[in-house]
Structures are given as C-alpha cells and as structure tokens.
Amino acid sequence: MFSKKIAIIGAGYVGLTTGVCLASLGHSVICLDNDQDKIEKLKKGVIPIYEPGLAELLKAHQNNIVFTNNLSEAVHRAGVIFLAVGTPSQEDGSVDLSYFQQAVVEVAQNMNGYKVLVDKSTVPPGTANWVKKEVKKYYQGEFAVVSNPEFLREGTAIDDFLKPDRVVIGVDEEKAKEIMLDIYLAVDAPKFATTAQSAELIKYAANSFLAMKISFINEIANICEKT
C-alpha cells in the first residue's frame, strides 16, 4: 500500500468524501481547507455536508485523517496532493478556474520534493498541461500531474468511491501511474490509464451524457402530461 501521506486541497463535497474514503482504505490523509470554522467542526467530527454514512465512516477511521488550514504543512508532509477545489460555472457557461489556479500556485510555492498532483476538480481538457507549466514557474524539481476525475452522486457518494464501475487515471509518467494504482489497490474496480487530457474529456463526456439523460426524461414527462 502507498505509504506516504495524501493531502486533499479543499474540504468541500468532493474533497471531504475523497479524503474520508481514502482514510477508510488505510491511507494517512491530511484534509485542508481555508475555512477555519469548517476545519474546527471537522476536527470535532461534525460534517458540514449531508452524505449518508460519511460521518460514521469518518468516526470509524478518524485516526487516519487530520484536518488543517496550514497549506504549507500539508504540502510538505504529503507525497500525493489531490486538488478538489470548486470550479463553478459562470453566467456565460464557462468554468471559473480562479480558485483552482490559486490553489495550484500556492501548492507549487510550497513543494519540497517529488509530488504527484492529482486533479479531482472538473476542469476543461488541457488543464493538466497548464498545471505543469504553472508549477514549473515556482518549482524546478521533479513532479507529476494526474487527472483522476470523480463520478460521485449525492446520496451514494461513498459507494461510488469505494465500489465504482471504473477508476480513470490520466497520467503520462510511469512512476506516477504506479503510485495511483497503489492508492486504489483496495478498490475492486477496473482501472483505466490514459492521458491526462483524455481523462479530463471523459469527465466532461460523462457529465454531458448525464445532463442529456435528464433532459430526455424531462421531455418525455412533458409529452406524457400532454397526452
């Protein structure tokens, strides 16, 4: 099993679920958020979101996870850093990457050795290449960038993480690929390794397909009501 610490940047829905589930797999996790009130509640076992079973899972594996707002400490101690920062939609439909970009810069400024940066946020294809270029502005050592999209559904997020129908790993470096496969070793699901850009596109394709299904069934419902 992967023996180094895993940092989660962002303790929102995706970040917190990812962190707790990784802790349940036996990993040592550092979960970071800049919201001090949220961190204090999490330290007391109070979950700021509603997800069935998440509070119980945290309590059962609380020895494997710590919560902090000290980014420098989290980055220094971790070998793998999951970026789970919000990327909300803007009025024109484009993605607001400002929080994600800020997180990348702050992580890069605090890197102190080989790190694997794992993108869990929903970002446009090509973002991993931007991350590589941006990190190199602040850190000249060895590192890798991975796209590992999430397919979590509210209400079933724990099962979606621990018992998924697939794990997608977008990575160009063999060393980082082996680390990611090691992290997900205990997850019994097919692991698909592809390029980072392909993994980013897979996430968008999955979201688009889901939106299409919802639109389709809503349209059928409208037809049924009129007949």
C-alpha atoms as a PDB file:
ATOM      1  CA  MET A   1       0.000   0.000   0.000  1.00  0.00           C
ATOM      2  CA  PHE A   2       1.090   3.582  -0.677  1.00  0.00           C
ATOM      3  CA  SER A   3       2.949   4.546   2.494  1.00  0.00           C
ATOM      4  CA  LYS A   4       3.238   8.329   2.222  1.00  0.00           C
ATOM      5  CA  LYS A   5       0.661  10.868   3.315  1.00  0.00           C
ATOM      6  CA  ILE A   6      -2.048  12.085   0.962  1.00  0.00           C
ATOM      7  CA  ALA A   7      -3.160  15.723   1.075  1.00  0.00           C
ATOM      8  CA  ILE A   8      -6.619  16.838  -0.039  1.00  0.00           C
ATOM      9  CA  ILE A   9      -6.827  20.519  -1.001  1.00  0.00           C
ATOM     10  CA  GLY A  10     -10.437  21.544  -0.469  1.00  0.00           C
ATOM     11  CA  ALA A  11     -12.829  20.036   2.084  1.00  0.00           C
ATOM     12  CA  GLY A  12     -15.988  20.521   0.070  1.00  0.00           C
ATOM     13  CA  TYR A  13     -18.254  17.724  -1.116  1.00  0.00           C
ATOM     14  CA  VAL A  14     -15.717  16.038  -3.410  1.00  0.00           C
ATOM     15  CA  GLY A  15     -12.662  16.711  -1.269  1.00  0.00           C
ATOM     16  CA  LEU A  16     -14.178  15.591   2.014  1.00  0.00           C
ATOM     17  CA  THR A  17     -15.710  12.451   0.535  1.00  0.00           C
ATOM     18  CA  THR A  18     -12.425  11.599  -1.176  1.00  0.00           C
ATOM     19  CA  GLY A  19     -10.411  12.191   1.983  1.00  0.00           C
ATOM     20  CA  VAL A  20     -12.640  10.130   4.267  1.00  0.00           C
ATOM     21  CA  CYS A  21     -12.880   7.273   1.763  1.00  0.00           C
ATOM     22  CA  LEU A  22      -9.099   7.202   1.281  1.00  0.00           C
ATOM     23  CA  ALA A  23      -8.713   7.128   5.075  1.00  0.00           C
ATOM     24  CA  SER A  24     -11.117   4.173   5.181  1.00  0.00           C
ATOM     25  CA  LEU A  25      -8.798   2.345   2.769  1.00  0.00           C
ATOM     26  CA  GLY A  26      -5.976   2.698   5.279  1.00  0.00           C
ATOM     27  CA  HIS A  27      -4.219   5.750   3.846  1.00  0.00           C
ATOM     28  CA  SER A  28      -2.895   8.582   6.005  1.00  0.00           C
ATOM     29  CA  VAL A  29      -4.776  11.696   4.903  1.00  0.00           C
ATOM     30  CA  ILE A  30      -4.375  15.425   5.519  1.00  0.00           C
ATOM     31  CA  CYS A  31      -7.504  17.348   4.542  1.00  0.00           C
ATOM     32  CA  LEU A  32      -7.065  21.088   4.072  1.00  0.00           C
ATOM     33  CA  ASP A  33      -9.490  23.969   3.701  1.00  0.00           C
ATOM     34  CA  ASN A  34      -9.103  27.730   4.146  1.00  0.00           C
ATOM     35  CA  ASP A  35     -12.402  27.905   6.049  1.00  0.00           C
ATOM     36  CA  GLN A  36     -11.230  27.801   9.666  1.00  0.00           C
ATOM     37  CA  ASP A  37     -14.744  27.291  11.057  1.00  0.00           C
ATOM     38  CA  LYS A  38     -15.251  24.259   8.817  1.00  0.00           C
ATOM     39  CA  ILE A  39     -11.902  22.800   9.886  1.00  0.00           C
ATOM     40  CA  GLU A  40     -12.721  23.227  13.582  1.00  0.00           C
ATOM     41  CA  LYS A  41     -16.041  21.433  13.092  1.00  0.00           C
ATOM     42  CA  LEU A  42     -14.388  18.602  11.177  1.00  0.00           C
ATOM     43  CA  LYS A  43     -11.841  18.169  13.955  1.00  0.00           C
ATOM     44  CA  LYS A  44     -14.820  17.540  16.253  1.00  0.00           C
ATOM     45  CA  GLY A  45     -16.330  15.061  13.813  1.00  0.00           C
ATOM     46  CA  VAL A  46     -19.037  17.443  12.596  1.00  0.00           C
ATOM     47  CA  ILE A  47     -19.621  17.001   8.853  1.00  0.00           C
ATOM     48  CA  PRO A  48     -20.662  20.281   7.132  1.00  0.00           C
ATOM     49  CA  ILE A  49     -22.433  18.443   4.296  1.00  0.00           C
ATOM     50  CA  TYR A  50     -25.076  15.753   4.242  1.00  0.00           C
ATOM     51  CA  GLU A  51     -23.987  12.467   2.756  1.00  0.00           C
ATOM     52  CA  PRO A  52     -25.383   9.195   4.158  1.00  0.00           C
ATOM     53  CA  GLY A  53     -22.743   7.266   6.080  1.00  0.00           C
ATOM     54  CA  LEU A  54     -19.972   9.857   5.764  1.00  0.00           C
ATOM     55  CA  ALA A  55     -19.996  10.934   9.426  1.00  0.00           C
ATOM     56  CA  GLU A  56     -19.948   7.304  10.554  1.00  0.00           C
ATOM     57  CA  LEU A  57     -17.098   6.481   8.164  1.00  0.00           C
ATOM     58  CA  LEU A  58     -15.102   9.445   9.466  1.00  0.00           C
ATOM     59  CA  LYS A  59     -15.628   8.359  13.066  1.00  0.00           C
ATOM     60  CA  ALA A  60     -14.540   4.795  12.266  1.00  0.00           C
ATOM     61  CA  HIS A  61     -11.303   5.948  10.603  1.00  0.00           C
ATOM     62  CA  GLN A  62     -10.571   9.200  12.427  1.00  0.00           C
ATOM     63  CA  ASN A  63      -7.060   8.017  13.283  1.00  0.00           C
ATOM     64  CA  ASN A  64      -6.171   8.050   9.583  1.00  0.00           C
ATOM     65  CA  ILE A  65      -7.214  11.622   8.813  1.00  0.00           C
ATOM     66  CA  VAL A  66      -6.357  15.075  10.143  1.00  0.00           C
ATOM     67  CA  PHE A  67      -7.834  18.464   9.246  1.00  0.00           C
ATOM     68  CA  THR A  68      -5.864  21.683   8.881  1.00  0.00           C
ATOM     69  CA  ASN A  69      -5.815  25.103   7.250  1.00  0.00           C
ATOM     70  CA  ASN A  70      -1.995  25.108   7.062  1.00  0.00           C
ATOM     71  CA  LEU A  71      -1.288  24.560   3.363  1.00  0.00           C
ATOM     72  CA  SER A  72       2.485  24.641   3.702  1.00  0.00           C
ATOM     73  CA  GLU A  73       2.438  21.849   6.289  1.00  0.00           C
ATOM     74  CA  ALA A  74       0.030  19.750   4.231  1.00  0.00           C
ATOM     75  CA  VAL A  75       2.126  20.056   1.064  1.00  0.00           C
ATOM     76  CA  HIS A  76       5.420  19.396   2.852  1.00  0.00           C
ATOM     77  CA  ARG A  77       4.138  16.222   4.513  1.00  0.00           C
ATOM     78  CA  ALA A  78       2.334  14.716   1.534  1.00  0.00           C
ATOM     79  CA  GLY A  79       3.624  12.648  -1.368  1.00  0.00           C
ATOM     80  CA  VAL A  80       0.368  12.911  -3.311  1.00  0.00           C
ATOM     81  CA  ILE A  81      -1.811  16.020  -3.391  1.00  0.00           C
ATOM     82  CA  PHE A  82      -5.426  15.833  -4.549  1.00  0.00           C
ATOM     83  CA  LEU A  83      -6.809  19.145  -5.825  1.00  0.00           C
ATOM     84  CA  ALA A  84     -10.534  19.195  -5.055  1.00  0.00           C
ATOM     85  CA  VAL A  85     -11.219  22.899  -5.391  1.00  0.00           C
ATOM     86  CA  GLY A  86     -14.517  24.264  -6.639  1.00  0.00           C
ATOM     87  CA  THR A  87     -14.797  25.220 -10.323  1.00  0.00           C
ATOM     88  CA  PRO A  88     -18.230  26.880 -10.529  1.00  0.00           C
ATOM     89  CA  SER A  89     -19.930  27.804 -13.783  1.00  0.00           C
ATOM     90  CA  GLN A  90     -20.024  31.463 -14.781  1.00  0.00           C
ATOM     91  CA  GLU A  91     -23.001  33.306 -16.271  1.00  0.00           C
ATOM     92  CA  ASP A  92     -21.805  32.626 -19.820  1.00  0.00           C
ATOM     93  CA  GLY A  93     -21.483  28.897 -19.106  1.00  0.00           C
ATOM     94  CA  SER A  94     -17.698  28.859 -18.914  1.00  0.00           C
ATOM     95  CA  VAL A  95     -15.835  27.433 -15.940  1.00  0.00           C
ATOM     96  CA  ASP A  96     -14.416  29.714 -13.255  1.00  0.00           C
ATOM     97  CA  LEU A  97     -10.921  28.333 -12.682  1.00  0.00           C
ATOM     98  CA  SER A  98      -9.709  31.126 -10.398  1.00  0.00           C
ATOM     99  CA  TYR A  99      -9.906  29.091  -7.167  1.00  0.00           C
ATOM    100  CA  PHE A 100      -8.281  26.101  -8.833  1.00  0.00           C
ATOM    101  CA  GLN A 101      -5.495  28.210 -10.320  1.00  0.00           C
ATOM    102  CA  GLN A 102      -4.837  29.899  -6.994  1.00  0.00           C
ATOM    103  CA  ALA A 103      -4.580  26.501  -5.291  1.00  0.00           C
ATOM    104  CA  VAL A 104      -2.093  25.267  -7.914  1.00  0.00           C
ATOM    105  CA  VAL A 105       0.138  28.309  -7.408  1.00  0.00           C
ATOM    106  CA  GLU A 106       0.075  28.011  -3.611  1.00  0.00           C
ATOM    107  CA  VAL A 107       0.877  24.294  -3.769  1.00  0.00           C
ATOM    108  CA  ALA A 108       3.732  24.910  -6.221  1.00  0.00           C
ATOM    109  CA  GLN A 109       5.219  27.593  -3.988  1.00  0.00           C
ATOM    110  CA  ASN A 110       5.407  25.117  -1.097  1.00  0.00           C
ATOM    111  CA  MET A 111       6.637  21.969  -2.852  1.00  0.00           C
ATOM    112  CA  ASN A 112       9.731  20.462  -1.250  1.00  0.00           C
ATOM    113  CA  GLY A 113      10.330  17.253  -3.218  1.00  0.00           C
ATOM    114  CA  TYR A 114       8.709  14.865  -5.669  1.00  0.00           C
ATOM    115  CA  LYS A 115       4.931  15.237  -5.575  1.00  0.00           C
ATOM    116  CA  VAL A 116       2.068  13.819  -7.580  1.00  0.00           C
ATOM    117  CA  LEU A 117      -0.583  16.499  -8.134  1.00  0.00           C
ATOM    118  CA  VAL A 118      -3.957  14.869  -8.741  1.00  0.00           C
ATOM    119  CA  ASP A 119      -6.763  16.902 -10.263  1.00  0.00           C
ATOM    120  CA  LYS A 120     -10.167  15.937  -8.835  1.00  0.00           C
ATOM    121  CA  SER A 121     -11.898  19.145  -9.915  1.00  0.00           C
ATOM    122  CA  THR A 122     -13.983  19.341 -13.073  1.00  0.00           C
ATOM    123  CA  VAL A 123     -11.727  21.258 -15.470  1.00  0.00           C
ATOM    124  CA  PRO A 124     -11.552  21.739 -19.252  1.00  0.00           C
ATOM    125  CA  PRO A 125      -9.367  19.362 -21.296  1.00  0.00           C
ATOM    126  CA  GLY A 126      -5.813  20.660 -21.395  1.00  0.00           C
ATOM    127  CA  THR A 127      -5.798  21.942 -17.804  1.00  0.00           C
ATOM    128  CA  ALA A 128      -3.190  19.368 -16.725  1.00  0.00           C
ATOM    129  CA  ASN A 129      -0.753  20.841 -19.249  1.00  0.00           C
ATOM    130  CA  TRP A 130      -1.414  24.291 -17.812  1.00  0.00           C
ATOM    131  CA  VAL A 131      -0.749  22.952 -14.299  1.00  0.00           C
ATOM    132  CA  LYS A 132       2.629  21.559 -15.390  1.00  0.00           C
ATOM    133  CA  LYS A 133       3.692  24.883 -16.891  1.00  0.00           C
ATOM    134  CA  GLU A 134       2.452  26.843 -13.887  1.00  0.00           C
ATOM    135  CA  VAL A 135       4.186  24.637 -11.315  1.00  0.00           C
ATOM    136  CA  LYS A 136       7.495  24.959 -13.188  1.00  0.00           C
ATOM    137  CA  LYS A 137       7.385  28.721 -12.595  1.00  0.00           C
ATOM    138  CA  TYR A 138       7.786  28.121  -8.867  1.00  0.00           C
ATOM    139  CA  TYR A 139       9.359  24.674  -8.517  1.00  0.00           C
ATOM    140  CA  GLN A 140      12.217  23.232 -10.575  1.00  0.00           C
ATOM    141  CA  GLY A 141      12.242  19.734  -9.080  1.00  0.00           C
ATOM    142  CA  GLU A 142      10.578  16.541 -10.271  1.00  0.00           C
ATOM    143  CA  PHE A 143       6.792  16.216 -10.083  1.00  0.00           C
ATOM    144  CA  ALA A 144       3.860  14.691 -11.954  1.00  0.00           C
ATOM    145  CA  VAL A 145       0.348  15.837 -12.801  1.00  0.00           C
ATOM    146  CA  VAL A 146      -2.538  13.367 -12.907  1.00  0.00           C
ATOM    147  CA  SER A 147      -6.189  13.735 -13.875  1.00  0.00           C
ATOM    148  CA  ASN A 148      -8.371  11.466 -11.746  1.00  0.00           C
ATOM    149  CA  PRO A 149     -11.994  12.519 -12.367  1.00  0.00           C
ATOM    150  CA  GLU A 150     -14.689  11.809  -9.812  1.00  0.00           C
ATOM    151  CA  PHE A 151     -18.066  10.290 -10.629  1.00  0.00           C
ATOM    152  CA  LEU A 152     -19.771  10.802  -7.267  1.00  0.00           C
ATOM    153  CA  ARG A 153     -23.536  11.085  -6.899  1.00  0.00           C
ATOM    154  CA  GLU A 154     -25.110  12.771  -3.906  1.00  0.00           C
ATOM    155  CA  GLY A 155     -26.620  10.145  -1.641  1.00  0.00           C
ATOM    156  CA  THR A 156     -24.423   7.306  -2.919  1.00  0.00           C
ATOM    157  CA  ALA A 157     -21.009   9.007  -2.904  1.00  0.00           C
ATOM    158  CA  ILE A 158     -19.327   6.512  -0.562  1.00  0.00           C
ATOM    159  CA  ASP A 159     -20.288   3.517  -2.676  1.00  0.00           C
ATOM    160  CA  ASP A 160     -19.452   5.477  -5.822  1.00  0.00           C
ATOM    161  CA  PHE A 161     -15.919   5.977  -4.487  1.00  0.00           C
ATOM    162  CA  LEU A 162     -15.286   2.610  -2.840  1.00  0.00           C
ATOM    163  CA  LYS A 163     -17.268   0.468  -5.307  1.00  0.00           C
ATOM    164  CA  PRO A 164     -17.121   2.329  -8.630  1.00  0.00           C
ATOM    165  CA  ASP A 165     -17.715   0.835 -12.039  1.00  0.00           C
ATOM    166  CA  ARG A 166     -14.359   2.276 -13.156  1.00  0.00           C
ATOM    167  CA  VAL A 167     -11.368   4.305 -11.975  1.00  0.00           C
ATOM    168  CA  VAL A 168      -9.936   6.668 -14.590  1.00  0.00           C
ATOM    169  CA  ILE A 169      -6.302   7.721 -14.232  1.00  0.00           C
ATOM    170  CA  GLY A 170      -4.943  10.249 -16.706  1.00  0.00           C
ATOM    171  CA  VAL A 171      -1.167  10.202 -16.419  1.00  0.00           C
ATOM    172  CA  ASP A 172       1.911  10.460 -18.636  1.00  0.00           C
ATOM    173  CA  GLU A 173       4.605   9.310 -16.187  1.00  0.00           C
ATOM    174  CA  GLU A 174       5.014   5.626 -15.282  1.00  0.00           C
ATOM    175  CA  LYS A 175       6.147   6.423 -11.723  1.00  0.00           C
ATOM    176  CA  ALA A 176       3.005   8.445 -11.023  1.00  0.00           C
ATOM    177  CA  LYS A 177       0.851   5.776 -12.664  1.00  0.00           C
ATOM    178  CA  GLU A 178       2.193   3.104 -10.306  1.00  0.00           C
ATOM    179  CA  ILE A 179       1.607   5.372  -7.303  1.00  0.00           C
ATOM    180  CA  MET A 180      -2.006   5.979  -8.328  1.00  0.00           C
ATOM    181  CA  LEU A 181      -2.640   2.272  -8.919  1.00  0.00           C
ATOM    182  CA  ASP A 182      -1.181   1.608  -5.472  1.00  0.00           C
ATOM    183  CA  ILE A 183      -3.513   4.158  -3.879  1.00  0.00           C
ATOM    184  CA  TYR A 184      -6.532   2.472  -5.472  1.00  0.00           C
ATOM    185  CA  LEU A 185      -5.240  -1.065  -4.894  1.00  0.00           C
ATOM    186  CA  ALA A 186      -8.012  -1.909  -2.413  1.00  0.00           C
ATOM    187  CA  VAL A 187     -10.748  -0.624  -4.744  1.00  0.00           C
ATOM    188  CA  ASP A 188     -12.193  -3.574  -6.647  1.00  0.00           C
ATOM    189  CA  ALA A 189     -12.920  -1.954  -9.997  1.00  0.00           C
ATOM    190  CA  PRO A 190     -11.369  -1.747 -13.468  1.00  0.00           C
ATOM    191  CA  LYS A 191      -8.585   0.830 -13.606  1.00  0.00           C
ATOM    192  CA  PHE A 192      -8.196   2.653 -16.905  1.00  0.00           C
ATOM    193  CA  ALA A 193      -4.932   4.501 -17.514  1.00  0.00           C
ATOM    194  CA  THR A 194      -5.000   7.109 -20.254  1.00  0.00           C
ATOM    195  CA  THR A 195      -3.576  10.552 -20.963  1.00  0.00           C
ATOM    196  CA  ALA A 196      -4.451  13.431 -18.660  1.00  0.00           C
ATOM    197  CA  GLN A 197      -6.279  15.268 -21.434  1.00  0.00           C
ATOM    198  CA  SER A 198      -8.338  12.182 -22.275  1.00  0.00           C
ATOM    199  CA  ALA A 199      -9.286  11.761 -18.607  1.00  0.00           C
ATOM    200  CA  GLU A 200     -10.405  15.392 -18.451  1.00  0.00           C
ATOM    201  CA  LEU A 201     -12.537  14.853 -21.558  1.00  0.00           C
ATOM    202  CA  ILE A 202     -14.011  11.637 -20.103  1.00  0.00           C
ATOM    203  CA  LYS A 203     -15.317  13.640 -17.138  1.00  0.00           C
ATOM    204  CA  TYR A 204     -16.967  16.208 -19.403  1.00  0.00           C
ATOM    205  CA  ALA A 205     -18.425  13.464 -21.589  1.00  0.00           C
ATOM    206  CA  ALA A 206     -19.889  11.714 -18.528  1.00  0.00           C
ATOM    207  CA  ASN A 207     -21.412  14.957 -17.246  1.00  0.00           C
ATOM    208  CA  SER A 208     -22.839  15.767 -20.679  1.00  0.00           C
ATOM    209  CA  PHE A 209     -24.344  12.302 -21.024  1.00  0.00           C
ATOM    210  CA  LEU A 210     -25.993  12.604 -17.609  1.00  0.00           C
ATOM    211  CA  ALA A 211     -27.402  16.026 -18.498  1.00  0.00           C
ATOM    212  CA  MET A 212     -28.721  14.623 -21.779  1.00  0.00           C
ATOM    213  CA  LYS A 213     -30.465  11.743 -19.986  1.00  0.00           C
ATOM    214  CA  ILE A 214     -32.118  14.150 -17.551  1.00  0.00           C
ATOM    215  CA  SER A 215     -33.246  16.439 -20.373  1.00  0.00           C
ATOM    216  CA  PHE A 216     -34.585  13.474 -22.327  1.00  0.00           C
ATOM    217  CA  ILE A 217     -36.636  12.038 -19.468  1.00  0.00           C
ATOM    218  CA  ASN A 218     -37.981  15.514 -18.626  1.00  0.00           C
ATOM    219  CA  GLU A 219     -39.092  15.950 -22.228  1.00  0.00           C
ATOM    220  CA  ILE A 220     -40.776  12.531 -22.208  1.00  0.00           C
ATOM    221  CA  ALA A 221     -42.531  13.505 -18.963  1.00  0.00           C
ATOM    222  CA  ASN A 222     -43.809  16.701 -20.597  1.00  0.00           C
ATOM    223  CA  ILE A 223     -45.151  14.700 -23.547  1.00  0.00           C
ATOM    224  CA  CYS A 224     -46.866  12.236 -21.204  1.00  0.00           C
ATOM    225  CA  GLU A 225     -48.583  15.041 -19.314  1.00  0.00           C
ATOM    226  CA  LYS A 226     -49.992  16.452 -22.563  1.00  0.00           C
ATOM    227  CA  THR A 227     -51.350  13.133 -23.873  1.00  0.00           C
END
